[in-house]
Amino acid sequence: MTNSPSPAPDPAAAGWTALPVSGSPFVRELGQLWSRRDTDGDIQLGFVTNASHANLHGIIHGGVMLTFADYTIGAIGARLTGNPNAVTIDLNMQFLSSTQIGEFVAGSGRILRQTKSFLFLEGEMHGPDRQIAAFTGVWKTIKPLR
């Protein structure tokens, strides 16, 4: 008997909207990103994991999850403040559960505090049936580079 992976979830069928392709080549490695508002109206982002995201143990690499956490709360901070010109200066993540190939991962976040130059954010990541991670970060607003 072979252990075949489950078919990939269909985020569109679950009410998610595909986001335009990121301008960052690194973020594009996550694959198609998805967005929706939860029942409270808060922004959620998501992606479907695949074999290219796996580590040597066959589960999703922690670096992939950190990349998604960074993108998630950075993008949510930009949407909530209307200012996309901020860079990560600190990101802390607590891994609570492993993530499997083919799972849909959803991330959400919120601004804890905002000053003239800094955003303090927190977020969490969930799989289909459990919390995967919790994270906090600090973003510094910068002048537009272009």
Protein backbone atom coordinates (compact mmCIF):
# COMPACT_ATOMS: atom_id res chain seq x y z
CA MET A 1 0.00 0.00 0.00
CA THR A 2 1.36 3.43 -0.89
CA ASN A 3 0.85 6.51 1.16
CA SER A 4 -0.35 9.05 -1.40
CA PRO A 5 -0.77 12.68 -0.42
CA SER A 6 -4.21 14.21 -0.15
CA PRO A 7 -5.32 16.36 -3.06
CA ALA A 8 -4.38 20.03 -2.65
CA PRO A 9 -7.15 22.13 -1.12
CA ASP A 10 -9.08 24.58 -3.30
CA PRO A 11 -8.87 27.97 -1.54
CA ALA A 12 -11.17 29.64 -4.10
CA ALA A 13 -13.95 27.18 -3.25
CA ALA A 14 -13.53 28.13 0.42
CA GLY A 15 -13.99 31.85 -0.28
CA TRP A 16 -10.36 32.92 -0.70
CA THR A 17 -9.29 35.35 -3.45
CA ALA A 18 -6.03 34.87 -5.35
CA LEU A 19 -3.63 37.77 -4.82
CA PRO A 20 -1.63 39.28 -7.68
CA VAL A 21 1.86 37.82 -8.00
CA SER A 22 4.25 39.43 -5.53
CA GLY A 23 6.89 41.82 -6.83
CA SER A 24 9.42 40.00 -4.64
CA PRO A 25 11.07 37.02 -6.35
CA PHE A 26 11.72 35.50 -2.92
CA VAL A 27 8.06 35.72 -1.81
CA ARG A 28 6.99 34.18 -5.14
CA GLU A 29 8.68 30.97 -3.96
CA LEU A 30 5.70 30.50 -1.63
CA GLY A 31 3.46 30.02 -4.67
CA GLN A 32 0.00 31.49 -5.12
CA LEU A 33 -1.01 33.63 -2.16
CA TRP A 34 -4.64 34.00 -1.13
CA SER A 35 -6.62 36.57 0.87
CA ARG A 36 -9.98 36.86 2.59
CA ARG A 37 -11.64 38.57 5.51
CA ASP A 38 -12.62 36.43 8.48
CA THR A 39 -15.96 36.65 10.28
CA ASP A 40 -14.68 39.64 12.30
CA GLY A 41 -13.63 41.44 9.11
CA ASP A 42 -9.91 40.93 9.76
CA ILE A 43 -7.56 40.20 6.86
CA GLN A 44 -6.23 36.67 6.46
CA LEU A 45 -3.59 35.49 4.01
CA GLY A 46 -2.89 31.92 2.96
CA PHE A 47 -0.95 29.54 0.73
CA VAL A 48 -0.87 25.85 -0.14
CA THR A 49 2.35 24.09 0.84
CA ASN A 50 4.08 21.88 -1.71
CA ALA A 51 7.04 19.50 -1.96
CA SER A 52 9.46 22.34 -2.79
CA HIS A 53 8.76 23.77 0.69
CA ALA A 54 9.78 20.55 2.51
CA ASN A 55 12.86 19.94 4.63
CA LEU A 56 14.81 16.68 4.83
CA HIS A 57 12.21 15.26 7.25
CA GLY A 58 9.39 15.61 4.71
CA ILE A 59 7.61 18.41 6.57
CA ILE A 60 7.52 22.09 5.70
CA HIS A 61 10.80 23.89 6.39
CA GLY A 62 10.79 26.43 9.22
CA GLY A 63 12.31 29.03 6.89
CA VAL A 64 9.26 28.79 4.64
CA MET A 65 7.00 29.35 7.62
CA LEU A 66 9.09 32.34 8.76
CA THR A 67 8.90 33.79 5.25
CA PHE A 68 5.12 33.47 5.29
CA ALA A 69 4.91 35.00 8.80
CA ASP A 70 7.07 37.94 7.68
CA TYR A 71 4.98 38.47 4.56
CA THR A 72 1.69 38.09 6.44
CA ILE A 73 2.14 40.63 9.19
CA GLY A 74 4.11 42.98 6.95
CA ALA A 75 1.32 42.98 4.36
CA ILE A 76 -1.39 43.31 6.99
CA GLY A 77 0.49 46.21 8.60
CA ALA A 78 0.79 47.90 5.20
CA ARG A 79 -2.92 47.43 4.48
CA LEU A 80 -4.04 48.68 7.88
CA THR A 81 -1.79 51.76 7.87
CA GLY A 82 -1.96 52.49 4.14
CA ASN A 83 1.85 52.66 4.10
CA PRO A 84 3.68 49.87 2.23
CA ASN A 85 7.09 51.38 3.01
CA ALA A 86 8.25 49.41 6.03
CA VAL A 87 10.94 46.80 6.60
CA THR A 88 11.26 44.03 9.16
CA ILE A 89 13.72 44.78 11.96
CA ASP A 90 12.66 42.02 14.36
CA LEU A 91 10.66 38.81 13.89
CA ASN A 92 10.11 36.15 16.55
CA MET A 93 8.21 32.95 15.95
CA GLN A 94 7.09 30.08 18.15
CA PHE A 95 6.53 26.86 16.19
CA LEU A 96 3.62 24.98 17.73
CA SER A 97 3.00 22.21 15.20
CA SER A 98 4.60 20.83 12.05
CA THR A 99 3.09 21.51 8.64
CA GLN A 100 2.59 18.82 6.02
CA ILE A 101 3.03 18.96 2.25
CA GLY A 102 -0.26 19.90 0.58
CA GLU A 103 -1.80 21.69 3.56
CA PHE A 104 -3.42 25.10 3.29
CA VAL A 105 -1.85 27.48 5.80
CA ALA A 106 -3.69 30.64 6.86
CA GLY A 107 -2.08 33.58 8.63
CA SER A 108 -3.58 36.57 10.36
CA GLY A 109 -2.23 39.46 12.35
CA ARG A 110 -2.85 42.77 13.99
CA ILE A 111 -1.07 45.96 14.95
CA LEU A 112 -0.32 46.11 18.66
CA ARG A 113 1.16 49.59 18.63
CA GLN A 114 2.22 52.20 16.10
CA THR A 115 4.63 55.11 16.48
CA LYS A 116 5.86 57.59 13.90
CA SER A 117 8.63 55.21 12.81
CA PHE A 118 7.68 51.74 14.04
CA LEU A 119 4.90 49.17 13.83
CA PHE A 120 4.63 46.47 16.50
CA LEU A 121 2.63 43.50 15.22
CA GLU A 122 1.59 40.01 16.21
CA GLY A 123 0.07 37.15 14.30
CA GLU A 124 -0.69 33.49 14.14
CA MET A 125 -0.73 30.72 11.58
CA HIS A 126 -3.26 27.89 11.36
CA GLY A 127 -3.50 24.67 9.40
CA PRO A 128 -6.76 22.88 8.64
CA ASP A 129 -7.27 21.72 12.23
CA ARG A 130 -4.71 23.36 14.50
CA GLN A 131 -2.59 26.38 15.28
CA ILE A 132 0.84 26.05 13.68
CA ALA A 133 2.70 29.09 14.99
CA ALA A 134 2.52 32.41 16.79
CA PHE A 135 4.76 35.35 15.90
CA THR A 136 5.56 38.95 16.75
CA GLY A 137 7.55 41.54 14.91
CA VAL A 138 8.66 45.13 14.62
CA TRP A 139 8.64 47.00 11.31
CA LYS A 140 10.36 50.32 10.65
CA THR A 141 8.75 52.73 8.23
CA ILE A 142 11.14 54.02 5.58
CA LYS A 143 11.11 56.52 2.74
CA PRO A 144 10.02 55.00 -0.58
CA LEU A 145 13.03 53.56 -2.40
CA ARG A 146 11.70 54.40 -5.86
